[in-house]
Amino acid sequence: MKGHIIIRSEFFREGDVYIGVCPDLNVSSFGETIEEAKQSLREALTAFFEECEAMGTLHDVLEEAGFIRQDMNWLPRQPIAIELFSVA
């Protein structure tokens, strides 16, 4: 694959571990520190992309997840607003 895939990631602390999540692709991983969680998520995403490439589905997976190709790079969709809602 040429170019880069720009990924949105979120990190949370759950008990004694840190969880890293890529919500756009539903990929997650964890570590005992936030740095370990970041590295673990990078490794999980790399494995995910390698498998998609091997199956010939990377382009389709990224498009279906809302990524946009710009030059040689894939960019995540950008929200026009972000809000937290409370539902009773």
Protein backbone atom coordinates (compact mmCIF):
# COMPACT_ATOMS: atom_id res chain seq x y z
CA MET A 1 0.00 0.00 0.00
CA LYS A 2 1.31 3.43 -0.92
CA GLY A 3 0.49 6.49 1.14
CA HIS A 4 -0.87 6.62 4.67
CA ILE A 5 -4.11 5.88 6.46
CA ILE A 6 -4.90 8.56 9.02
CA ILE A 7 -6.68 6.97 11.99
CA ARG A 8 -8.82 8.48 14.73
CA SER A 9 -8.14 6.77 18.06
CA GLU A 10 -9.55 7.04 21.56
CA PHE A 11 -8.02 5.84 24.81
CA PHE A 12 -9.74 4.94 28.05
CA ARG A 13 -8.66 3.61 31.40
CA GLU A 14 -10.51 0.55 32.62
CA GLY A 15 -9.26 -0.62 35.99
CA ASP A 16 -5.53 -1.32 35.70
CA VAL A 17 -5.32 -1.25 31.89
CA TYR A 18 -5.61 1.32 29.14
CA ILE A 19 -7.84 0.55 26.17
CA GLY A 20 -7.15 1.97 22.71
CA VAL A 21 -10.00 2.03 20.20
CA CYS A 22 -10.25 2.98 16.54
CA PRO A 23 -14.01 3.58 16.37
CA ASP A 24 -14.07 4.04 12.59
CA LEU A 25 -12.83 0.48 12.00
CA ASN A 26 -13.96 -1.21 15.23
CA VAL A 27 -10.38 -2.22 16.10
CA SER A 28 -9.17 -2.12 19.69
CA SER A 29 -6.30 -3.22 21.90
CA PHE A 30 -4.89 -2.53 25.35
CA GLY A 31 -1.77 -2.05 27.46
CA GLU A 32 -0.66 -1.52 31.05
CA THR A 33 0.32 2.08 30.22
CA ILE A 34 -1.13 4.52 27.73
CA GLU A 35 2.04 4.21 25.64
CA GLU A 36 1.69 0.42 25.59
CA ALA A 37 -1.97 0.81 24.59
CA LYS A 38 -0.97 3.13 21.73
CA GLN A 39 1.69 0.73 20.48
CA SER A 40 -0.66 -2.24 20.83
CA LEU A 41 -3.37 -0.41 18.86
CA ARG A 42 -0.85 0.45 16.11
CA GLU A 43 0.09 -3.24 15.90
CA ALA A 44 -3.55 -4.33 15.80
CA LEU A 45 -4.31 -1.81 13.03
CA THR A 46 -1.23 -2.88 11.06
CA ALA A 47 -2.35 -6.52 11.25
CA PHE A 48 -5.90 -5.50 10.27
CA PHE A 49 -4.66 -3.57 7.22
CA GLU A 50 -2.26 -6.33 6.18
CA GLU A 51 -5.07 -8.89 6.29
CA CYS A 52 -7.40 -6.61 4.31
CA GLU A 53 -4.67 -6.10 1.71
CA ALA A 54 -4.02 -9.84 1.49
CA MET A 55 -7.74 -10.43 0.86
CA GLY A 56 -7.91 -7.54 -1.63
CA THR A 57 -10.56 -5.70 0.41
CA LEU A 58 -8.66 -2.75 1.94
CA HIS A 59 -10.05 -0.14 -0.47
CA ASP A 60 -13.63 -1.36 0.06
CA VAL A 61 -13.26 -1.59 3.85
CA LEU A 62 -11.95 1.96 4.09
CA GLU A 63 -14.67 3.37 1.82
CA GLU A 64 -17.42 1.55 3.72
CA ALA A 65 -16.03 2.99 6.98
CA GLY A 66 -16.32 6.51 5.54
CA PHE A 67 -12.66 7.16 4.77
CA ILE A 68 -11.91 9.50 1.87
CA ARG A 69 -8.93 9.09 -0.43
CA GLN A 70 -6.96 12.28 -0.93
CA ASP A 71 -3.89 12.01 -3.12
CA MET A 72 -2.17 8.85 -1.86
CA ASN A 73 -3.63 9.07 1.67
CA TRP A 74 -6.85 7.89 3.30
CA LEU A 75 -8.49 10.36 5.69
CA PRO A 76 -11.27 9.59 8.18
CA ARG A 77 -14.60 11.28 7.72
CA GLN A 78 -14.82 14.52 9.64
CA PRO A 79 -17.90 15.23 11.73
CA ILE A 80 -19.59 18.58 11.34
CA ALA A 81 -20.60 18.48 15.02
CA ILE A 82 -19.80 16.40 18.10
CA GLU A 83 -22.22 16.29 21.01
CA LEU A 84 -22.93 14.11 24.01
CA PHE A 85 -26.60 13.22 24.43
CA SER A 86 -28.46 11.97 27.47
CA VAL A 87 -31.28 9.55 26.78
CA ALA A 88 -33.66 8.54 29.57
